[in-house]
Amino acid sequence: MTVMDKVPPAGNFKNKIFSVIRSLDNGLDASIARVHRDGLNLREIGFLSLLGAILYSYFLTNFSFSIDDEFAALRHDPAVWVGQDRWLVYLVEKWILPQPAVPFAPYMILIVLLAVSYALLLRAHGVQTSWKTYFAYPVFGAFPMWWLITAFHANTAALAIGVFFISLSAYMLFGESRGLASPLRGALRKHSMIIIMLACAIAAYQSLLLLFICFAFGSLLTRNLHNQGANQNPCTTILKLLLNVSLLILLALVLYVAMNAVAQHLIAADSGYIAHFINPGIFESLFKVLRLVWKEQIALYSGHANRYGANLGINGVVIGLATLVVLRAGRRQIAVNVVLWLGVLIAPFALHFVSGGEPLPLRTLIALAYVSWLSCMLLLSARHTSLMAASVIIIALLQIKIFGLTSQYMATAAIVQSHDRLLAADIYRRIGELSGSFDRNAPLKMDIYGSKSINTIYAKANTGSLQGSFFSWDNGNILRMVSFMKVMGYENISIPNNNERIALTPIFKQMPVWPAAGSVKKCGDIYLIRLSREPDPTHAKFKESV
């Protein structure tokens, strides 16, 4: 046999290509037909997007520059995301939004994909589009946790893609019919797509996995409530579904870890960012962990001001009333409904068990937006006119409280960001006034001692960076301060090395504190600015070195 005999005929190769194309066409045609059959249309997406544009108008019309955006704006290589186990964010920043720290574009992506995700989510829950679904959308789309995570411009587009992936996965699993059909009944190709999408969603933001788990419990709960009495053996059916979902999640995690290992081998090593949230001593005091997690659940579900910055107690009322709806619906299946509802309530806090019960940044709890929305939908399922009217009033009050809270976040952010811009300009002006021959185009070496905090009368969420000052974050991080000033246009600034900075500490201690005269001075070729009496972490090392 010659070499030419081993080469397949050109016609066979062409036929294989056409066969693959036909297979793709058939799959797309079936998907489009299913979407039309389920009533998904551009009018619904457009109206939801319009609502989203209103809810996120602040981010669309303002350049709200917050903590970490200074690094995102200046970096040329997004490999840092691979080190944080978020390779999807790396891909988005590398190929879609190479300059992520911008207004408008990331939030338009978020608004549209949230609208599509919400429409898919309704189908996954077996809920028909109506005034109720539009009325409840602001609870899902404008809950404070969304504001806290989308304050990071660089995260926003990838987060939106991740939410779309988990919503589409939920739709493919639970939106097949109005009944409780097994999600593994479909083709292997469908489930492979779900595994890939879940892995990508986790790589966008790890907490999205918890949001998907909430979706699963919530979809099963609403479908079971809608089909009371139709299923003779709901426990067995739901158990099989949960096992199938667990298997898909496990496979998605395996794929995510494998792809993460490859990405970190090729692009950037693990930075240990995720590891510092994990408490290895969790099993040494399990009861203490359970008590701490329970305490955190109560605080967040009841809308405690210590967590949100202002009281959101009406949220606890909505969740409490939704729990009564679950308990009163279908007494023969009350055990199943309660277990599913507990799954919805507990799943958002799964990472708290891993952290040893210690509070995590509120931005990791985006699943709480879904819990509150599902509670609203359960209230809106009331059949009596009087109960429906009461539910509408309560949900409207919840929305007003949400809008009031996020409005306070806007006010705080606007004040803090104005403060930082003015402070940066004032520091540069004071430096220039030290010499009549100051050249703004010449290199400028600067050292800053301490930090300058600002407090407002408006709400500030616990661990929220949207309201954080560059001049006080990390107890005084000069790299953040100088990076912010560079983004604001003061691009000729450099920083002395740590040894030089520590050696300057005695000189700083003799200077008055900002804004007093003499709080800015020049020592050799370095400009010194003392912002506070307390040292920052670097200058605090002077005591250790003496």
Protein backbone atom coordinates (compact mmCIF):
# COMPACT_ATOMS: atom_id res chain seq x y z
CA MET A 1 0.00 0.00 0.00
CA THR A 2 1.38 3.41 -0.98
CA VAL A 3 1.19 6.63 1.00
CA MET A 4 -1.44 7.93 -1.40
CA ASP A 5 -3.63 4.93 -0.66
CA LYS A 6 -3.81 6.01 2.98
CA VAL A 7 -5.14 9.47 2.13
CA PRO A 8 -8.96 9.49 2.31
CA PRO A 9 -10.76 10.60 -0.83
CA ALA A 10 -11.57 14.30 -0.94
CA GLY A 11 -15.24 13.49 -1.36
CA ASN A 12 -15.39 11.58 1.96
CA PHE A 13 -13.77 14.46 3.82
CA LYS A 14 -16.22 16.93 2.30
CA ASN A 15 -19.14 14.69 3.21
CA LYS A 16 -17.98 14.57 6.84
CA ILE A 17 -17.83 18.36 6.95
CA PHE A 18 -21.32 18.66 5.51
CA SER A 19 -22.53 16.04 7.98
CA VAL A 20 -21.20 18.07 10.91
CA ILE A 21 -22.79 21.24 9.52
CA ARG A 22 -26.13 19.48 9.05
CA SER A 23 -25.94 18.18 12.62
CA LEU A 24 -25.29 21.70 13.90
CA ASP A 25 -28.12 23.07 11.78
CA ASN A 26 -30.53 20.46 13.12
CA GLY A 27 -29.49 21.24 16.70
CA LEU A 28 -29.92 24.98 16.19
CA ASP A 29 -33.27 24.51 14.46
CA ALA A 30 -34.50 22.36 17.34
CA SER A 31 -33.28 24.92 19.88
CA ILE A 32 -34.95 27.81 18.04
CA ALA A 33 -38.19 25.85 17.78
CA ARG A 34 -38.09 25.10 21.48
CA VAL A 35 -37.44 28.76 22.33
CA HIS A 36 -40.45 29.79 20.23
CA ARG A 37 -42.55 27.06 21.81
CA ASP A 38 -41.65 28.32 25.28
CA GLY A 39 -42.68 31.85 24.37
CA LEU A 40 -39.23 33.45 24.57
CA ASN A 41 -39.25 36.52 22.34
CA LEU A 42 -37.40 39.77 21.68
CA ARG A 43 -40.25 41.89 23.04
CA GLU A 44 -39.87 40.35 26.48
CA ILE A 45 -36.05 40.65 26.38
CA GLY A 46 -36.34 44.24 25.20
CA PHE A 47 -38.71 45.26 27.99
CA LEU A 48 -36.57 43.56 30.63
CA SER A 49 -33.48 45.28 29.19
CA LEU A 50 -35.27 48.62 29.42
CA LEU A 51 -36.05 47.95 33.07
CA GLY A 52 -32.42 46.97 33.60
CA ALA A 53 -31.20 50.17 31.95
CA ILE A 54 -33.30 52.15 34.43
CA LEU A 55 -32.03 50.11 37.38
CA TYR A 56 -28.39 50.50 36.31
CA SER A 57 -28.62 54.03 34.91
CA TYR A 58 -26.07 55.18 37.50
CA PHE A 59 -23.38 52.91 36.02
CA LEU A 60 -24.43 53.71 32.45
CA THR A 61 -24.15 57.47 32.91
CA ASN A 62 -21.38 57.82 35.52
CA PHE A 63 -17.74 56.82 35.60
CA SER A 64 -17.93 55.24 39.05
CA PHE A 65 -14.26 54.41 39.64
CA SER A 66 -13.89 52.10 42.66
CA ILE A 67 -11.27 49.98 44.41
CA ASP A 68 -9.28 47.63 42.12
CA ASP A 69 -10.35 49.57 39.04
CA GLU A 70 -7.08 51.51 39.29
CA PHE A 71 -5.09 48.30 38.75
CA ALA A 72 -7.42 47.09 36.00
CA ALA A 73 -7.10 50.38 34.11
CA LEU A 74 -3.29 50.29 34.12
CA ARG A 75 -2.52 46.61 33.59
CA HIS A 76 -1.59 45.28 30.16
CA ASP A 77 -1.87 41.58 30.96
CA PRO A 78 -4.98 40.13 32.63
CA ALA A 79 -3.10 36.99 33.74
CA VAL A 80 -3.84 37.97 37.34
CA TRP A 81 -7.32 36.46 36.87
CA VAL A 82 -5.85 33.05 36.06
CA GLY A 83 -3.93 33.21 39.34
CA GLN A 84 -7.29 33.78 41.08
CA ASP A 85 -8.82 30.71 39.37
CA ARG A 86 -11.03 32.87 37.13
CA TRP A 87 -9.83 32.07 33.65
CA LEU A 88 -13.10 33.14 32.02
CA VAL A 89 -12.51 36.69 33.28
CA TYR A 90 -9.05 36.45 31.74
CA LEU A 91 -10.52 35.47 28.37
CA VAL A 92 -13.13 38.24 28.48
CA GLU A 93 -10.56 40.90 29.37
CA LYS A 94 -8.05 39.54 26.86
CA TRP A 95 -10.33 39.31 23.85
CA ILE A 96 -13.57 41.23 24.48
CA LEU A 97 -12.92 44.20 26.81
CA PRO A 98 -9.14 44.76 26.95
CA GLN A 99 -9.77 47.99 28.91
CA PRO A 100 -12.35 46.84 31.46
CA ALA A 101 -12.32 49.90 33.75
CA VAL A 102 -14.82 51.89 31.70
CA PRO A 103 -18.45 52.96 32.15
CA PHE A 104 -21.37 51.88 29.96
CA ALA A 105 -20.04 48.92 27.90
CA PRO A 106 -19.67 46.34 30.73
CA TYR A 107 -23.04 47.33 32.13
CA MET A 108 -24.84 47.12 28.79
CA ILE A 109 -23.56 43.55 28.55
CA LEU A 110 -24.80 42.94 32.10
CA ILE A 111 -28.23 44.48 31.45
CA VAL A 112 -28.92 42.48 28.28
CA LEU A 113 -27.61 39.16 29.62
CA LEU A 114 -29.48 39.60 32.90
CA ALA A 115 -32.66 40.13 30.89
CA VAL A 116 -32.06 36.97 28.84
CA SER A 117 -31.08 35.03 31.97
CA TYR A 118 -34.25 36.11 33.76
CA ALA A 119 -36.41 35.02 30.84
CA LEU A 120 -34.69 31.62 30.82
CA LEU A 121 -35.05 31.37 34.58
CA LEU A 122 -38.81 31.86 34.35
CA ARG A 123 -39.06 28.95 31.90
CA ALA A 124 -36.90 26.79 34.16
CA HIS A 125 -39.39 27.42 36.97
CA GLY A 126 -42.41 26.79 34.76
CA VAL A 127 -43.61 30.37 35.24
CA GLN A 128 -45.47 32.13 32.44
CA THR A 129 -44.52 35.71 31.59
CA SER A 130 -47.03 38.15 33.05
CA TRP A 131 -47.26 41.42 34.94
CA LYS A 132 -46.11 39.49 38.01
CA THR A 133 -42.78 38.52 36.46
CA TYR A 134 -42.10 42.09 35.30
CA PHE A 135 -43.17 43.47 38.65
CA ALA A 136 -40.77 41.18 40.56
CA TYR A 137 -37.81 41.71 38.20
CA PRO A 138 -36.31 44.69 40.12
CA VAL A 139 -35.98 42.49 43.21
CA PHE A 140 -33.89 40.04 41.19
CA GLY A 141 -31.95 42.55 39.11
CA ALA A 142 -31.34 45.40 41.55
CA PHE A 143 -30.75 43.61 44.85
CA PRO A 144 -27.83 45.22 46.75
CA MET A 145 -25.49 42.24 46.16
CA TRP A 146 -25.48 42.97 42.42
CA TRP A 147 -24.32 46.50 43.15
CA LEU A 148 -21.50 45.27 45.35
CA ILE A 149 -20.09 42.84 42.77
CA THR A 150 -20.63 45.03 39.70
CA ALA A 151 -18.71 47.84 41.38
CA PHE A 152 -15.71 46.00 39.95
CA HIS A 153 -15.76 47.01 36.29
CA ALA A 154 -13.38 44.20 35.32
CA ASN A 155 -15.72 41.54 36.78
CA THR A 156 -18.96 42.79 35.31
CA ALA A 157 -18.93 41.43 31.74
CA ALA A 158 -17.62 38.00 32.75
CA LEU A 159 -20.11 37.86 35.62
CA ALA A 160 -22.96 38.57 33.18
CA ILE A 161 -21.77 35.76 30.90
CA GLY A 162 -21.54 33.41 33.89
CA VAL A 163 -25.08 34.23 35.00
CA PHE A 164 -26.30 33.60 31.46
CA PHE A 165 -24.55 30.21 31.41
CA ILE A 166 -26.11 29.00 34.66
CA SER A 167 -29.55 30.30 33.66
CA LEU A 168 -29.32 28.54 30.31
CA SER A 169 -28.18 25.39 32.11
CA ALA A 170 -31.19 25.57 34.45
CA TYR A 171 -33.47 26.10 31.46
CA MET A 172 -32.03 23.09 29.65
CA LEU A 173 -32.41 20.94 32.77
CA PHE A 174 -35.81 21.99 34.08
CA GLY A 175 -37.51 23.84 31.25
CA GLU A 176 -38.20 20.82 29.07
CA SER A 177 -41.83 20.54 30.09
CA ARG A 178 -44.26 21.59 32.74
CA GLY A 179 -43.72 18.34 34.55
CA LEU A 180 -40.83 16.94 36.50
CA ALA A 181 -39.13 15.10 33.66
CA SER A 182 -35.66 13.74 34.30
CA PRO A 183 -32.95 16.19 33.18
CA LEU A 184 -30.78 13.32 31.89
CA ARG A 185 -33.43 12.13 29.50
CA GLY A 186 -32.04 14.24 26.69
CA ALA A 187 -29.04 13.66 24.50
CA LEU A 188 -25.50 13.38 25.83
CA ARG A 189 -24.62 16.46 23.82
CA LYS A 190 -27.00 18.60 25.86
CA HIS A 191 -25.53 17.52 29.16
CA SER A 192 -22.02 17.99 27.88
CA MET A 193 -22.98 21.57 27.05
CA ILE A 194 -24.35 22.05 30.56
CA ILE A 195 -21.15 20.74 32.14
CA ILE A 196 -19.04 23.07 29.98
CA MET A 197 -21.26 26.08 30.74
CA LEU A 198 -21.20 25.41 34.48
CA ALA A 199 -17.41 25.09 34.43
CA CYS A 200 -17.16 28.42 32.58
CA ALA A 201 -19.57 30.07 35.02
CA ILE A 202 -17.47 28.95 37.98
CA ALA A 203 -14.41 30.37 36.18
CA ALA A 204 -16.23 33.70 35.94
CA TYR A 205 -17.11 33.87 39.62
CA GLN A 206 -17.01 30.89 41.96
CA SER A 207 -20.13 31.94 43.87
CA LEU A 208 -22.20 31.44 40.72
CA LEU A 209 -22.13 27.73 41.46
CA LEU A 210 -24.16 28.43 44.62
CA LEU A 211 -26.57 30.51 42.57
CA PHE A 212 -27.07 27.56 40.21
CA ILE A 213 -27.72 25.23 43.16
CA CYS A 214 -30.37 27.70 44.35
CA PHE A 215 -31.84 27.68 40.84
CA ALA A 216 -32.07 23.88 40.99
CA PHE A 217 -33.83 23.76 44.36
CA GLY A 218 -36.11 26.66 43.43
CA SER A 219 -37.08 25.21 40.05
CA LEU A 220 -37.97 21.88 41.62
CA LEU A 221 -39.93 23.64 44.38
CA THR A 222 -42.04 25.80 42.08
CA ARG A 223 -42.75 22.92 39.71
CA ASN A 224 -43.71 20.67 42.59
CA LEU A 225 -46.05 23.37 43.92
CA HIS A 226 -47.62 23.77 40.48
CA ASN A 227 -48.13 20.03 40.10
CA GLN A 228 -49.62 19.16 43.47
CA GLY A 229 -51.27 15.76 43.18
CA ALA A 230 -50.17 15.20 39.58
CA ASN A 231 -47.12 13.22 40.64
CA GLN A 232 -47.89 10.15 42.70
CA ASN A 233 -44.32 9.70 43.93
CA PRO A 234 -42.68 13.16 44.10
CA CYS A 235 -39.98 12.14 46.59
CA THR A 236 -38.46 9.54 44.25
CA THR A 237 -38.69 11.80 41.21
CA ILE A 238 -37.14 14.81 42.93
CA LEU A 239 -34.43 12.70 44.54
CA LYS A 240 -33.43 11.37 41.12
CA LEU A 241 -33.35 14.90 39.75
CA LEU A 242 -31.19 16.14 42.62
CA LEU A 243 -28.79 13.24 42.13
CA ASN A 244 -28.57 14.03 38.42
CA VAL A 245 -27.92 17.70 39.18
CA SER A 246 -25.26 16.70 41.71
CA LEU A 247 -23.54 14.54 39.13
CA LEU A 248 -23.52 17.36 36.59
CA ILE A 249 -22.12 19.77 39.17
CA LEU A 250 -19.41 17.28 40.13
CA LEU A 251 -18.39 16.79 36.50
CA ALA A 252 -18.42 20.56 35.97
CA LEU A 253 -16.14 21.02 38.97
CA VAL A 254 -13.76 18.37 37.63
CA LEU A 255 -13.67 20.11 34.25
CA TYR A 256 -13.19 23.51 35.90
CA VAL A 257 -10.29 22.28 38.02
CA ALA A 258 -8.66 20.58 35.02
CA MET A 259 -8.95 23.68 32.82
CA ASN A 260 -7.77 25.82 35.71
CA ALA A 261 -4.67 23.66 36.13
CA VAL A 262 -3.89 23.94 32.42
CA ALA A 263 -4.42 27.72 32.43
CA GLN A 264 -2.19 28.20 35.49
CA HIS A 265 0.49 26.02 33.94
CA LEU A 266 0.47 28.00 30.71
CA ILE A 267 -0.35 31.55 31.85
CA ALA A 268 0.04 32.31 35.56
CA ALA A 269 0.58 30.41 38.80
CA ASP A 270 -1.99 30.19 41.57
CA SER A 271 -1.89 33.38 43.66
CA GLY A 272 -3.55 31.79 46.70
CA TYR A 273 -6.43 34.29 46.51
CA ILE A 274 -9.15 31.67 47.00
CA ALA A 275 -7.19 29.75 49.63
CA HIS A 276 -7.23 32.64 52.11
CA PHE A 277 -11.04 32.33 52.35
CA ILE A 278 -10.73 28.69 53.48
CA ASN A 279 -10.45 27.79 57.16
CA PRO A 280 -8.79 24.36 57.51
CA GLY A 281 -9.91 24.09 61.13
CA ILE A 282 -13.59 23.92 60.25
CA PHE A 283 -14.16 20.45 61.71
CA GLU A 284 -12.42 21.27 64.98
CA SER A 285 -15.40 23.33 66.11
CA LEU A 286 -18.32 22.28 63.93
CA PHE A 287 -21.01 23.51 66.33
CA LYS A 288 -19.36 26.92 66.49
CA VAL A 289 -19.32 27.08 62.69
CA LEU A 290 -23.00 26.14 62.51
CA ARG A 291 -23.84 28.84 65.06
CA LEU A 292 -21.87 31.48 63.14
CA VAL A 293 -23.46 30.53 59.82
CA TRP A 294 -26.93 30.63 61.40
CA LYS A 295 -26.17 34.06 62.85
CA GLU A 296 -25.04 35.33 59.45
CA GLN A 297 -28.13 33.92 57.75
CA ILE A 298 -30.43 35.66 60.21
CA ALA A 299 -28.57 38.96 59.82
CA LEU A 300 -28.66 38.92 56.01
CA TYR A 301 -32.15 37.54 55.46
CA SER A 302 -33.58 39.98 58.02
CA GLY A 303 -31.78 42.89 56.34
CA HIS A 304 -29.68 43.95 59.33
CA ALA A 305 -28.14 47.40 59.01
CA ASN A 306 -24.74 46.08 60.15
CA ARG A 307 -24.53 44.12 56.91
CA TYR A 308 -26.29 46.33 54.36
CA GLY A 309 -25.44 49.71 55.85
CA ALA A 310 -29.13 50.52 56.36
CA ASN A 311 -32.13 48.53 57.51
CA LEU A 312 -33.74 46.21 54.94
CA GLY A 313 -36.02 44.46 57.39
CA ILE A 314 -38.90 44.15 54.93
CA ASN A 315 -36.80 41.51 53.15
CA GLY A 316 -37.10 39.27 56.20
CA VAL A 317 -40.87 39.80 56.19
CA VAL A 318 -41.10 38.71 52.54
CA ILE A 319 -39.01 35.59 53.12
CA GLY A 320 -40.99 34.74 56.27
CA LEU A 321 -44.33 35.04 54.44
CA ALA A 322 -42.97 32.96 51.55
CA THR A 323 -42.06 30.27 54.07
CA LEU A 324 -45.69 30.22 55.23
CA VAL A 325 -46.79 29.79 51.60
CA VAL A 326 -44.50 26.77 51.27
CA LEU A 327 -45.76 25.27 54.54
CA ARG A 328 -49.45 25.69 53.62
CA ALA A 329 -49.24 24.42 50.04
CA GLY A 330 -49.93 20.73 49.51
CA ARG A 331 -49.93 19.26 52.99
CA ARG A 332 -49.39 15.74 51.63
CA GLN A 333 -46.07 16.89 50.16
CA ILE A 334 -45.07 19.33 52.87
CA ALA A 335 -41.88 17.43 53.70
CA VAL A 336 -40.66 17.60 50.09
CA ASN A 337 -41.49 21.29 49.80
CA VAL A 338 -39.79 22.14 53.08
CA VAL A 339 -36.61 20.29 52.11
CA LEU A 340 -36.47 22.09 48.76
CA TRP A 341 -37.14 25.47 50.41
CA LEU A 342 -34.41 24.82 52.97
CA GLY A 343 -32.10 24.01 50.07
CA VAL A 344 -32.86 27.43 48.57
CA LEU A 345 -32.22 29.18 51.89
CA ILE A 346 -29.05 27.32 52.88
CA ALA A 347 -27.23 27.02 49.52
CA PRO A 348 -26.10 30.70 49.36
CA PHE A 349 -24.12 30.17 52.57
CA ALA A 350 -22.25 27.02 51.55
CA LEU A 351 -18.96 28.93 51.35
CA HIS A 352 -19.47 30.14 54.93
CA PHE A 353 -19.05 26.56 56.11
CA VAL A 354 -15.75 26.37 54.26
CA SER A 355 -14.61 29.68 55.78
CA GLY A 356 -15.28 28.41 59.29
CA GLY A 357 -18.40 30.52 59.69
CA GLU A 358 -16.54 33.80 59.30
CA PRO A 359 -18.44 36.48 57.33
CA LEU A 360 -17.48 36.66 53.67
CA PRO A 361 -17.63 39.72 51.42
CA LEU A 362 -21.29 40.42 50.66
CA ARG A 363 -20.56 40.38 46.93
CA THR A 364 -20.11 36.59 47.18
CA LEU A 365 -23.77 36.24 48.22
CA ILE A 366 -25.41 37.19 44.93
CA ALA A 367 -27.68 34.15 45.40
CA LEU A 368 -29.58 36.19 48.01
CA ALA A 369 -31.06 38.22 45.15
CA TYR A 370 -32.60 35.02 43.82
CA VAL A 371 -33.91 33.98 47.25
CA SER A 372 -35.72 37.29 47.67
CA TRP A 373 -37.09 37.15 44.12
CA LEU A 374 -38.39 33.59 44.55
CA SER A 375 -40.01 34.65 47.81
CA CYS A 376 -41.80 37.43 45.93
CA MET A 377 -42.99 35.01 43.24
CA LEU A 378 -44.33 32.66 45.91
CA LEU A 379 -46.31 35.53 47.44
CA LEU A 380 -47.64 36.51 44.00
CA SER A 381 -49.01 32.99 43.55
CA ALA A 382 -51.84 33.83 45.95
CA ARG A 383 -55.28 32.96 44.57
CA HIS A 384 -57.33 35.32 46.72
CA THR A 385 -57.61 38.93 45.59
CA SER A 386 -57.07 40.31 49.08
CA LEU A 387 -53.90 38.25 49.56
CA MET A 388 -52.64 39.23 46.11
CA ALA A 389 -53.20 42.93 46.89
CA ALA A 390 -51.36 42.57 50.20
CA SER A 391 -48.50 40.78 48.45
CA VAL A 392 -48.19 43.54 45.84
CA ILE A 393 -48.02 46.18 48.57
CA ILE A 394 -45.37 44.27 50.54
CA ILE A 395 -43.24 43.63 47.43
CA ALA A 396 -43.57 47.26 46.39
CA LEU A 397 -42.32 48.28 49.84
CA LEU A 398 -39.38 45.89 49.45
CA GLN A 399 -38.51 47.47 46.10
CA ILE A 400 -38.73 50.97 47.55
CA LYS A 401 -36.38 49.93 50.35
CA ILE A 402 -33.98 48.37 47.82
CA PHE A 403 -34.02 51.52 45.69
CA GLY A 404 -33.54 53.67 48.78
CA LEU A 405 -30.58 51.56 49.91
CA THR A 406 -28.84 51.49 46.54
CA SER A 407 -29.50 55.24 46.21
CA GLN A 408 -27.55 55.71 49.43
CA TYR A 409 -24.76 53.58 47.94
CA MET A 410 -24.74 55.96 44.96
CA ALA A 411 -24.55 58.99 47.25
CA THR A 412 -21.69 57.52 49.27
CA ALA A 413 -19.80 56.52 46.13
CA ALA A 414 -20.25 59.95 44.57
CA ILE A 415 -19.00 61.73 47.70
CA VAL A 416 -16.03 59.41 48.26
CA GLN A 417 -14.95 59.48 44.63
CA SER A 418 -15.22 63.27 44.51
CA HIS A 419 -13.16 63.42 47.70
CA ASP A 420 -10.45 61.24 46.15
CA ARG A 421 -10.28 63.26 42.94
CA LEU A 422 -10.05 66.54 44.86
CA LEU A 423 -7.48 65.13 47.27
CA ALA A 424 -5.31 63.87 44.40
CA ALA A 425 -5.47 67.29 42.74
CA ASP A 426 -4.73 69.07 46.01
CA ILE A 427 -1.71 66.87 46.75
CA TYR A 428 -0.30 67.54 43.28
CA ARG A 429 -0.96 71.28 43.66
CA ARG A 430 0.78 71.39 47.04
CA ILE A 431 3.78 69.58 45.57
CA GLY A 432 3.98 72.08 42.72
CA GLU A 433 3.86 75.02 45.12
CA LEU A 434 7.04 73.88 46.89
CA SER A 435 9.18 75.17 44.02
CA GLY A 436 8.77 77.94 41.49
CA SER A 437 10.64 75.81 38.94
CA PHE A 438 8.43 72.70 39.31
CA ASP A 439 8.21 70.82 35.99
CA ARG A 440 5.02 68.79 35.67
CA ASN A 441 6.52 66.74 32.83
CA ALA A 442 9.58 65.67 34.82
CA PRO A 443 9.64 62.39 36.79
CA LEU A 444 8.25 62.82 40.31
CA LYS A 445 9.08 60.47 43.20
CA MET A 446 6.49 60.50 45.99
CA ASP A 447 6.05 58.84 49.37
CA ILE A 448 2.84 58.98 51.40
CA TYR A 449 2.60 58.30 55.13
CA GLY A 450 -0.62 56.94 56.61
CA SER A 451 -4.08 57.20 55.11
CA LYS A 452 -6.96 59.64 54.71
CA SER A 453 -10.40 58.19 55.39
CA ILE A 454 -13.77 59.78 54.78
CA ASN A 455 -17.12 59.04 56.41
CA THR A 456 -20.49 60.12 55.08
CA ILE A 457 -23.98 60.15 56.53
CA TYR A 458 -25.13 57.70 53.83
CA ALA A 459 -25.22 53.92 53.97
CA LYS A 460 -22.09 51.96 53.33
CA ALA A 461 -22.34 48.20 52.89
CA ASN A 462 -20.13 45.96 54.98
CA THR A 463 -17.09 44.98 52.84
CA GLY A 464 -18.38 47.08 49.93
CA SER A 465 -15.64 48.58 47.77
CA LEU A 466 -17.97 50.88 45.81
CA GLN A 467 -17.78 53.36 48.70
CA GLY A 468 -14.09 52.78 49.48
CA SER A 469 -11.46 55.53 49.26
CA PHE A 470 -8.18 54.91 47.46
CA PHE A 471 -6.47 56.94 50.17
CA SER A 472 -7.67 54.74 53.04
CA TRP A 473 -8.09 51.22 51.60
CA ASP A 474 -5.70 48.60 53.04
CA ASN A 475 -4.95 51.08 55.85
CA GLY A 476 -2.94 53.17 53.43
CA ASN A 477 -1.69 51.47 50.27
CA ILE A 478 0.55 53.86 48.34
CA LEU A 479 0.38 51.69 45.23
CA ARG A 480 -3.39 52.17 45.09
CA MET A 481 -3.09 55.90 45.71
CA VAL A 482 -0.45 56.46 43.04
CA SER A 483 -2.20 54.16 40.53
CA PHE A 484 -5.40 56.15 41.04
CA MET A 485 -3.53 59.42 40.51
CA LYS A 486 -1.97 58.04 37.32
CA VAL A 487 -5.41 57.14 35.96
CA MET A 488 -6.57 60.66 36.83
CA GLY A 489 -3.79 62.08 34.66
CA TYR A 490 -0.82 62.48 37.01
CA GLU A 491 1.22 59.96 35.07
CA ASN A 492 4.78 61.05 35.95
CA ILE A 493 4.68 59.72 39.53
CA SER A 494 6.92 56.95 40.87
CA ILE A 495 7.31 55.34 44.31
CA PRO A 496 10.52 54.77 46.34
CA ASN A 497 11.31 51.18 47.28
CA ASN A 498 10.20 49.88 50.68
CA ASN A 499 13.61 50.29 52.31
CA GLU A 500 13.72 53.94 51.27
CA ARG A 501 10.20 54.50 52.54
CA ILE A 502 10.89 52.92 55.92
CA ALA A 503 14.05 55.01 56.31
CA LEU A 504 11.99 58.18 55.79
CA THR A 505 9.71 57.40 58.74
CA PRO A 506 11.55 59.64 61.31
CA ILE A 507 11.22 62.61 58.96
CA PHE A 508 7.50 61.94 58.53
CA LYS A 509 6.99 61.85 62.30
CA GLN A 510 8.33 65.40 62.57
CA MET A 511 5.85 66.69 59.98
CA PRO A 512 2.30 67.94 60.74
CA VAL A 513 -0.69 65.98 59.49
CA TRP A 514 -2.61 66.85 56.33
CA PRO A 515 -3.87 69.44 55.48
CA ALA A 516 -1.73 71.55 57.82
CA ALA A 517 1.05 73.70 56.40
CA GLY A 518 4.21 71.60 56.21
CA SER A 519 2.35 68.29 55.69
CA VAL A 520 3.90 68.24 52.21
CA LYS A 521 7.66 68.70 51.87
CA LYS A 522 10.61 67.68 49.73
CA CYS A 523 13.44 65.56 51.09
CA GLY A 524 16.20 65.16 48.54
CA ASP A 525 14.44 64.13 45.34
CA ILE A 526 11.42 62.63 47.13
CA TYR A 527 8.20 64.48 47.91
CA LEU A 528 6.71 63.51 51.28
CA ILE A 529 3.01 63.72 52.18
CA ARG A 530 1.76 62.88 55.67
CA LEU A 531 -1.96 62.05 55.64
CA SER A 532 -2.47 60.82 59.21
CA ARG A 533 -0.83 60.34 62.61
CA GLU A 534 -1.11 56.56 62.34
CA PRO A 535 1.39 54.93 59.99
CA ASP A 536 0.51 52.76 57.04
CA PRO A 537 1.69 49.10 57.12
CA THR A 538 5.01 49.89 55.40
CA HIS A 539 6.05 52.79 57.64
CA ALA A 540 4.85 50.85 60.69
CA LYS A 541 7.76 48.48 60.06
CA PHE A 542 10.17 51.21 61.20
CA LYS A 543 9.59 50.15 64.82
CA GLU A 544 10.41 46.59 63.93
CA SER A 545 13.63 47.56 62.17
CA VAL A 546 14.96 49.69 65.04
